[in-house]
């Protein structure tokens, strides 16, 4: 059986399936639901197309919690997120994943005792 329709072979808004009824890699209608949690425990939920960059969601999180985007690091399962390049698909995210937001630390490294 073919996936062709009467409109010239286009699937008018429907998901494409291969012969074994699995979604194809180019399915642009898959959305991932995830949350971003800050060090204060506050959690904000998002829904994003798997092929879209995470940057707008990360920026939105920072705006909602009144933090500077440039001073934040985001971590998924212990690995840093490349804010400018990663998508849910490149990170192999699944629904209900949680991203941790942590403020960058600068300075430090000095001895506390000061000998």
N, C-alpha and C. Protein backbone atom coordinates (compact mmCIF):
# COMPACT_ATOMS: atom_id res chain seq x y z
N UNK A 1 0.84 -1.18 0.00
CA UNK A 1 0.00 0.00 0.00
C UNK A 1 0.88 1.23 0.00
N UNK A 2 0.50 2.26 -0.71
CA UNK A 2 1.31 3.46 -0.89
C UNK A 2 0.84 4.58 0.02
N UNK A 3 1.77 5.49 0.35
CA UNK A 3 1.44 6.67 1.14
C UNK A 3 0.94 7.82 0.27
N UNK A 4 0.80 7.61 -1.02
CA UNK A 4 0.38 8.65 -1.95
C UNK A 4 -1.10 8.95 -1.72
N UNK A 5 -1.45 10.23 -1.92
CA UNK A 5 -2.85 10.63 -1.81
C UNK A 5 -3.27 11.23 -3.13
N UNK A 6 -4.52 11.59 -3.23
CA UNK A 6 -5.04 12.12 -4.49
C UNK A 6 -4.56 13.54 -4.78
N UNK A 7 -3.83 14.17 -3.87
CA UNK A 7 -3.37 15.54 -4.11
C UNK A 7 -1.92 15.55 -4.63
N UNK A 8 -1.60 14.68 -5.55
CA UNK A 8 -0.29 14.68 -6.18
C UNK A 8 0.80 14.05 -5.35
N UNK A 9 0.47 13.18 -4.43
CA UNK A 9 1.48 12.50 -3.64
C UNK A 9 1.88 13.22 -2.37
N UNK A 10 1.27 14.37 -2.09
CA UNK A 10 1.59 15.10 -0.88
C UNK A 10 0.68 14.63 0.25
N UNK A 11 1.21 14.70 1.45
CA UNK A 11 0.46 14.20 2.60
C UNK A 11 -0.19 15.32 3.39
N UNK A 12 -0.80 16.24 2.80
CA UNK A 12 -1.56 17.36 3.36
C UNK A 12 -1.64 17.37 4.89
N UNK A 13 -0.55 17.73 5.55
CA UNK A 13 -0.56 17.91 6.99
C UNK A 13 -0.50 16.64 7.81
N UNK A 14 -0.37 15.51 7.18
CA UNK A 14 -0.31 14.25 7.92
C UNK A 14 1.13 13.80 8.08
N UNK A 15 1.37 13.02 9.12
CA UNK A 15 2.71 12.49 9.34
C UNK A 15 3.06 11.46 8.28
N UNK A 16 4.31 11.45 7.87
CA UNK A 16 4.78 10.45 6.92
C UNK A 16 5.19 9.20 7.68
N UNK A 17 4.87 8.08 7.14
CA UNK A 17 5.25 6.81 7.74
C UNK A 17 5.95 5.96 6.69
N UNK A 18 6.90 5.21 7.14
CA UNK A 18 7.56 4.28 6.24
C UNK A 18 6.69 3.03 6.12
N UNK A 19 7.17 2.06 5.36
CA UNK A 19 6.38 0.85 5.15
C UNK A 19 6.10 0.09 6.44
N UNK A 20 6.96 0.26 7.46
CA UNK A 20 6.74 -0.47 8.72
C UNK A 20 6.07 0.40 9.78
N UNK A 21 5.36 1.47 9.34
CA UNK A 21 4.57 2.34 10.21
C UNK A 21 5.36 3.05 11.29
N UNK A 22 6.64 3.32 11.07
CA UNK A 22 7.41 4.14 11.99
C UNK A 22 7.58 5.51 11.38
N UNK A 23 7.69 6.54 12.24
CA UNK A 23 7.87 7.88 11.73
C UNK A 23 9.21 7.99 11.02
N UNK A 24 9.23 8.75 9.96
CA UNK A 24 10.47 8.97 9.24
C UNK A 24 11.27 10.07 9.93
N UNK A 25 12.58 10.12 9.64
CA UNK A 25 13.47 11.09 10.27
C UNK A 25 13.11 12.53 9.94
N UNK A 26 12.46 12.76 8.81
CA UNK A 26 12.15 14.14 8.43
C UNK A 26 10.79 14.59 8.93
N UNK A 27 10.21 13.91 9.87
CA UNK A 27 8.91 14.29 10.42
C UNK A 27 9.08 15.54 11.27
N UNK A 28 8.61 16.66 10.75
CA UNK A 28 8.80 17.94 11.41
C UNK A 28 7.69 18.27 12.40
N UNK A 29 6.76 17.36 12.62
CA UNK A 29 5.64 17.67 13.51
C UNK A 29 5.79 17.05 14.90
N UNK A 30 6.98 16.59 15.25
CA UNK A 30 7.19 15.97 16.55
C UNK A 30 7.61 17.05 17.55
N UNK A 31 6.87 17.12 18.64
CA UNK A 31 7.16 18.09 19.69
C UNK A 31 7.63 17.37 20.95
N UNK A 32 8.52 18.01 21.67
CA UNK A 32 9.05 17.47 22.92
C UNK A 32 8.60 18.39 24.05
N UNK A 33 8.08 17.79 25.12
CA UNK A 33 7.72 18.53 26.32
C UNK A 33 8.84 18.33 27.34
N UNK A 34 9.33 19.44 27.88
CA UNK A 34 10.44 19.36 28.84
C UNK A 34 10.32 20.51 29.82
N UNK A 35 11.14 20.46 30.85
CA UNK A 35 11.16 21.54 31.83
C UNK A 35 12.58 22.03 32.02
N UNK A 36 12.68 23.27 32.50
CA UNK A 36 13.96 23.84 32.89
C UNK A 36 13.82 24.19 34.36
N UNK A 37 14.79 23.71 35.16
CA UNK A 37 14.74 23.91 36.61
C UNK A 37 15.97 24.68 37.05
N UNK A 38 15.74 25.72 37.83
CA UNK A 38 16.82 26.54 38.35
C UNK A 38 17.36 25.98 39.66
N UNK A 39 18.43 26.62 40.13
CA UNK A 39 19.05 26.19 41.38
C UNK A 39 18.12 26.43 42.57
N UNK A 40 17.15 27.31 42.41
CA UNK A 40 16.18 27.58 43.48
C UNK A 40 15.04 26.56 43.48
N UNK A 41 15.06 25.63 42.52
CA UNK A 41 14.03 24.59 42.45
C UNK A 41 12.84 24.97 41.60
N UNK A 42 12.77 26.23 41.16
CA UNK A 42 11.65 26.67 40.33
C UNK A 42 11.74 25.99 38.97
N UNK A 43 10.62 25.43 38.51
CA UNK A 43 10.59 24.66 37.28
C UNK A 43 9.57 25.28 36.32
N UNK A 44 9.99 25.49 35.08
CA UNK A 44 9.10 26.04 34.06
C UNK A 44 9.04 25.04 32.91
N UNK A 45 7.84 24.81 32.40
CA UNK A 45 7.62 23.79 31.38
C UNK A 45 7.53 24.40 29.99
N UNK A 46 8.06 23.66 29.01
CA UNK A 46 8.10 24.11 27.63
C UNK A 46 7.69 22.98 26.71
N UNK A 47 7.29 23.36 25.49
CA UNK A 47 6.98 22.42 24.42
C UNK A 47 7.63 22.99 23.17
N UNK A 48 8.46 22.19 22.51
CA UNK A 48 9.24 22.70 21.39
C UNK A 48 9.34 21.64 20.30
N UNK A 49 9.28 22.06 19.05
CA UNK A 49 9.49 21.16 17.93
C UNK A 49 10.88 20.55 18.05
N UNK A 50 11.00 19.26 17.81
CA UNK A 50 12.28 18.56 18.00
C UNK A 50 13.40 19.09 17.12
N UNK A 51 13.07 19.79 16.04
CA UNK A 51 14.08 20.29 15.11
C UNK A 51 14.42 21.76 15.32
N UNK A 52 13.81 22.41 16.30
CA UNK A 52 14.07 23.82 16.56
C UNK A 52 15.17 23.97 17.59
N UNK A 53 15.94 25.05 17.45
CA UNK A 53 17.00 25.31 18.43
C UNK A 53 16.40 25.58 19.81
N UNK A 54 17.12 25.16 20.84
CA UNK A 54 16.67 25.36 22.21
C UNK A 54 16.81 26.81 22.68
N UNK A 55 17.63 27.59 21.98
CA UNK A 55 17.94 28.95 22.42
C UNK A 55 16.71 29.78 22.79
N UNK A 56 15.64 29.85 21.97
CA UNK A 56 14.48 30.66 22.37
C UNK A 56 13.85 30.21 23.69
N UNK A 57 13.78 28.92 23.92
CA UNK A 57 13.22 28.41 25.19
C UNK A 57 14.13 28.78 26.35
N UNK A 58 15.44 28.66 26.15
CA UNK A 58 16.38 29.00 27.21
C UNK A 58 16.32 30.50 27.52
N UNK A 59 16.21 31.32 26.48
CA UNK A 59 16.08 32.75 26.69
C UNK A 59 14.77 33.10 27.39
N UNK A 60 13.70 32.42 27.01
CA UNK A 60 12.40 32.64 27.65
C UNK A 60 12.46 32.28 29.13
N UNK A 61 13.12 31.17 29.45
CA UNK A 61 13.28 30.78 30.84
C UNK A 61 13.99 31.90 31.62
N UNK A 62 15.10 32.39 31.07
CA UNK A 62 15.87 33.44 31.75
C UNK A 62 15.03 34.69 31.97
N UNK A 63 14.24 35.04 30.97
CA UNK A 63 13.38 36.22 31.09
C UNK A 63 12.35 36.02 32.21
N UNK A 64 11.75 34.84 32.26
CA UNK A 64 10.71 34.56 33.26
C UNK A 64 11.24 34.55 34.69
N UNK A 65 12.51 34.15 34.86
CA UNK A 65 13.07 34.09 36.21
C UNK A 65 14.00 35.27 36.48
N UNK A 66 13.99 36.26 35.56
CA UNK A 66 14.77 37.48 35.72
C UNK A 66 16.27 37.21 35.88
N UNK A 67 16.81 36.37 34.99
CA UNK A 67 18.25 36.07 34.98
C UNK A 67 18.82 36.47 33.62
N UNK A 68 20.10 36.79 33.59
CA UNK A 68 20.77 37.16 32.35
C UNK A 68 21.17 35.89 31.59
N UNK A 69 20.66 35.76 30.38
CA UNK A 69 20.92 34.58 29.55
C UNK A 69 22.41 34.33 29.37
N UNK A 70 23.18 35.38 29.21
CA UNK A 70 24.62 35.24 28.96
C UNK A 70 25.38 34.70 30.16
N UNK A 71 24.80 34.77 31.34
CA UNK A 71 25.50 34.29 32.54
C UNK A 71 25.01 32.92 33.00
N UNK A 72 24.19 32.27 32.16
CA UNK A 72 23.61 30.98 32.55
C UNK A 72 24.21 29.84 31.74
N UNK A 73 24.34 28.70 32.40
CA UNK A 73 24.70 27.44 31.74
C UNK A 73 23.51 26.51 31.88
N UNK A 74 23.28 25.70 30.88
CA UNK A 74 22.18 24.75 30.89
C UNK A 74 22.75 23.35 30.71
N UNK A 75 22.24 22.42 31.51
CA UNK A 75 22.80 21.07 31.56
C UNK A 75 21.67 20.06 31.41
N UNK A 76 21.90 19.06 30.56
CA UNK A 76 20.96 17.95 30.38
C UNK A 76 21.70 16.67 30.67
N UNK A 77 21.26 15.95 31.67
CA UNK A 77 21.86 14.66 32.06
C UNK A 77 23.37 14.78 32.25
N UNK A 78 23.80 15.85 32.91
CA UNK A 78 25.21 16.03 33.24
C UNK A 78 26.07 16.61 32.13
N UNK A 79 25.49 16.84 30.96
CA UNK A 79 26.26 17.36 29.83
C UNK A 79 25.80 18.77 29.50
N UNK A 80 26.75 19.68 29.23
CA UNK A 80 26.35 21.06 28.90
C UNK A 80 25.64 21.14 27.56
N UNK A 81 24.67 22.03 27.50
CA UNK A 81 23.93 22.28 26.27
C UNK A 81 24.63 23.41 25.52
N UNK A 82 24.83 23.21 24.23
CA UNK A 82 25.39 24.28 23.39
C UNK A 82 24.21 25.17 23.00
N UNK A 83 24.08 26.27 23.69
CA UNK A 83 22.90 27.12 23.58
C UNK A 83 22.59 27.56 22.15
N UNK A 84 23.60 27.77 21.35
CA UNK A 84 23.40 28.29 20.00
C UNK A 84 23.14 27.20 18.97
N UNK A 85 23.43 25.93 19.29
CA UNK A 85 23.40 24.89 18.26
C UNK A 85 22.51 23.70 18.55
N UNK A 86 22.18 23.45 19.80
CA UNK A 86 21.47 22.20 20.12
C UNK A 86 19.97 22.31 19.91
N UNK A 87 19.40 21.18 19.50
CA UNK A 87 17.95 21.01 19.37
C UNK A 87 17.57 19.80 20.22
N UNK A 88 16.29 19.63 20.54
CA UNK A 88 15.90 18.42 21.25
C UNK A 88 16.33 17.15 20.51
N UNK A 89 16.31 17.20 19.19
CA UNK A 89 16.68 16.02 18.41
C UNK A 89 18.18 15.73 18.52
N UNK A 90 19.04 16.77 18.43
CA UNK A 90 20.48 16.53 18.53
C UNK A 90 20.86 16.02 19.91
N UNK A 91 20.08 16.40 20.93
CA UNK A 91 20.35 15.94 22.29
C UNK A 91 19.62 14.64 22.63
N UNK A 92 18.85 14.14 21.67
CA UNK A 92 18.06 12.91 21.86
C UNK A 92 17.13 13.03 23.06
N UNK A 93 16.50 14.19 23.18
CA UNK A 93 15.59 14.43 24.29
C UNK A 93 14.30 13.64 24.10
N UNK A 94 13.68 13.30 25.21
CA UNK A 94 12.38 12.64 25.21
C UNK A 94 11.44 13.47 26.08
N UNK A 95 10.16 13.21 25.97
CA UNK A 95 9.19 13.92 26.79
C UNK A 95 9.53 13.81 28.26
N UNK A 96 9.32 14.90 28.97
CA UNK A 96 9.52 15.00 30.42
C UNK A 96 10.99 15.10 30.83
N UNK A 97 11.91 15.31 29.88
CA UNK A 97 13.30 15.56 30.25
C UNK A 97 13.36 16.86 31.05
N UNK A 98 14.38 16.97 31.88
CA UNK A 98 14.57 18.17 32.68
C UNK A 98 15.96 18.75 32.41
N UNK A 99 15.99 20.01 32.09
CA UNK A 99 17.24 20.74 31.89
C UNK A 99 17.51 21.52 33.16
N UNK A 100 18.74 21.47 33.64
CA UNK A 100 19.13 22.24 34.82
C UNK A 100 19.77 23.55 34.39
N UNK A 101 19.34 24.63 35.01
CA UNK A 101 19.89 25.96 34.73
C UNK A 101 20.76 26.36 35.92
N UNK A 102 22.02 26.67 35.63
CA UNK A 102 22.94 27.08 36.70
C UNK A 102 23.64 28.37 36.29
N UNK A 103 23.81 29.25 37.26
CA UNK A 103 24.49 30.51 37.01
C UNK A 103 25.98 30.26 36.92
N UNK A 104 26.63 30.85 35.92
CA UNK A 104 28.08 30.71 35.76
C UNK A 104 28.78 31.34 36.96
N UNK A 105 29.84 30.68 37.41
CA UNK A 105 30.62 31.23 38.50
C UNK A 105 31.89 31.80 37.92
N UNK A 106 32.24 32.99 38.37
CA UNK A 106 33.48 33.62 37.94
C UNK A 106 34.35 33.88 39.15
N UNK A 107 35.64 33.97 38.89
CA UNK A 107 36.56 34.24 39.99
C UNK A 107 36.80 33.00 40.82
N UNK A 108 37.08 33.20 42.07
CA UNK A 108 37.36 32.07 42.96
C UNK A 108 38.77 31.58 42.75
N UNK A 109 39.08 30.46 43.26
CA UNK A 109 40.40 29.88 43.11
C UNK A 109 41.40 30.39 44.14
N UNK A 110 41.04 31.43 44.86
CA UNK A 110 41.94 31.97 45.88
C UNK A 110 41.85 31.14 47.15
N UNK A 111 42.93 31.12 47.90
CA UNK A 111 42.97 30.37 49.16
C UNK A 111 42.13 31.09 50.20
N UNK A 112 41.33 30.35 50.93
CA UNK A 112 40.45 30.93 51.94
C UNK A 112 41.23 31.38 53.17
N UNK A 113 42.33 30.71 53.47
CA UNK A 113 43.09 31.01 54.68
C UNK A 113 44.05 32.18 54.50
N UNK A 114 44.55 32.40 53.30
CA UNK A 114 45.43 33.50 53.02
C UNK A 114 46.73 33.46 53.80
N UNK A 115 47.58 32.48 53.58
CA UNK A 115 48.87 32.39 54.29
C UNK A 115 49.85 33.39 53.81
